[in-house]
Each structure stands twice: as structure tokens, then as C-alpha cells.
Amino acid sequence: MTQKKKETIYGAEKLAKFFGVTKQTVRGWCKKGKLPAFKIGKEWKIRVTDLQKIIDREVRTHESEKSSRLF
């Protein structure tokens, strides 16, 4: 029998603290599709794995922009 690893899921409050913004801002990002979130009841949730993908993509984008400049 195989066991599934439980995925960590954050709510809007934890994400707001992480990003240094309000819960309302996080909710707005979720509604606009800026974060790959889903709702459980009235609460927006995001998987840590999805959040990590966004962060990794942004880091790669900024690194490639830096490398294309001379200074």
C-alpha cells in the first residue's frame, strides 16, 4: 500500500504575512488569477508547491534580465 504525501496548503492570512500585504490584497490576487488558488468554503487557499513554482519562475525571469544588461 502506498502512502500519499500530504501537501502543505496556505490560507490568505499566512500568504499576506509572507508577501507583506493585507489579506484583502491576497484575496484580490486570487480572484484575478494572479495566484493559482482555490476556495474551500469562503477561504482562498494555495498549495505551497504552486507558490514555489511562481517564485522560481520570477527568480529565473529576474536573473535572465540581469544577465542581459551590461551593468
Protein backbone atom coordinates (compact mmCIF):
# COMPACT_ATOMS: atom_id res chain seq x y z
CA MET A 1 0.00 0.00 0.00
CA THR A 2 1.42 3.42 -0.96
CA GLN A 3 1.02 6.48 1.17
CA LYS A 4 0.36 9.85 -0.35
CA LYS A 5 2.41 12.71 1.00
CA LYS A 6 0.21 15.47 2.39
CA GLU A 7 0.59 18.76 0.60
CA THR A 8 1.01 21.92 2.60
CA ILE A 9 -1.68 24.49 1.87
CA TYR A 10 -1.66 28.12 2.98
CA GLY A 11 -4.58 30.43 3.57
CA ALA A 12 -4.86 34.13 2.73
CA GLU A 13 -3.67 35.21 6.18
CA LYS A 14 -0.41 33.27 6.00
CA LEU A 15 0.20 34.40 2.42
CA ALA A 16 -0.42 38.02 3.42
CA LYS A 17 2.26 37.75 6.09
CA PHE A 18 4.64 36.05 3.65
CA PHE A 19 4.22 38.77 0.99
CA GLY A 20 3.92 41.64 3.49
CA VAL A 21 0.48 42.71 2.25
CA THR A 22 -3.08 42.61 3.57
CA LYS A 23 -5.43 39.63 3.35
CA GLN A 24 -7.60 41.73 1.04
CA THR A 25 -4.69 42.10 -1.38
CA VAL A 26 -4.13 38.33 -1.41
CA ARG A 27 -7.84 37.74 -1.99
CA GLY A 28 -7.73 40.17 -4.91
CA TRP A 29 -4.75 38.33 -6.43
CA CYS A 30 -6.65 35.06 -6.08
CA LYS A 31 -9.81 36.44 -7.69
CA LYS A 32 -7.79 37.92 -10.59
CA GLY A 33 -5.92 34.66 -11.13
CA LYS A 34 -2.51 36.10 -10.17
CA LEU A 35 -2.14 33.23 -7.71
CA PRO A 36 -3.16 29.65 -8.58
CA ALA A 37 -5.61 29.50 -5.69
CA PHE A 38 -8.79 27.63 -4.94
CA LYS A 39 -11.58 28.10 -2.45
CA ILE A 40 -12.63 25.88 0.39
CA GLY A 41 -15.87 27.37 1.60
CA LYS A 42 -15.26 31.12 1.70
CA GLU A 43 -11.50 30.85 2.21
CA TRP A 44 -8.88 31.12 -0.54
CA LYS A 45 -6.13 28.50 -0.38
CA ILE A 46 -2.89 27.93 -2.30
CA ARG A 47 -0.64 24.89 -2.40
CA VAL A 48 2.95 25.54 -1.34
CA THR A 49 4.14 23.66 -4.43
CA ASP A 50 2.22 26.08 -6.67
CA LEU A 51 3.60 29.07 -4.76
CA GLN A 52 7.15 27.70 -5.16
CA LYS A 53 6.65 27.39 -8.92
CA ILE A 54 5.69 31.08 -9.11
CA ILE A 55 8.67 32.13 -7.02
CA ASP A 56 11.07 30.00 -9.09
CA ARG A 57 9.70 31.44 -12.33
CA GLU A 58 10.08 35.02 -11.05
CA VAL A 59 13.65 34.39 -9.89
CA ARG A 60 14.59 32.94 -13.28
CA THR A 61 12.98 35.91 -15.07
CA HIS A 62 14.86 38.45 -12.95
CA GLU A 63 18.15 36.56 -13.30
CA SER A 64 17.86 36.47 -17.09
CA GLU A 65 17.04 40.21 -17.16
CA LYS A 66 20.17 40.93 -15.09
CA SER A 67 22.39 38.81 -17.33
CA SER A 68 21.18 40.60 -20.46
CA ARG A 69 22.31 44.01 -19.08
CA LEU A 70 25.91 45.11 -19.03
CA PHE A 71 25.62 46.94 -15.68
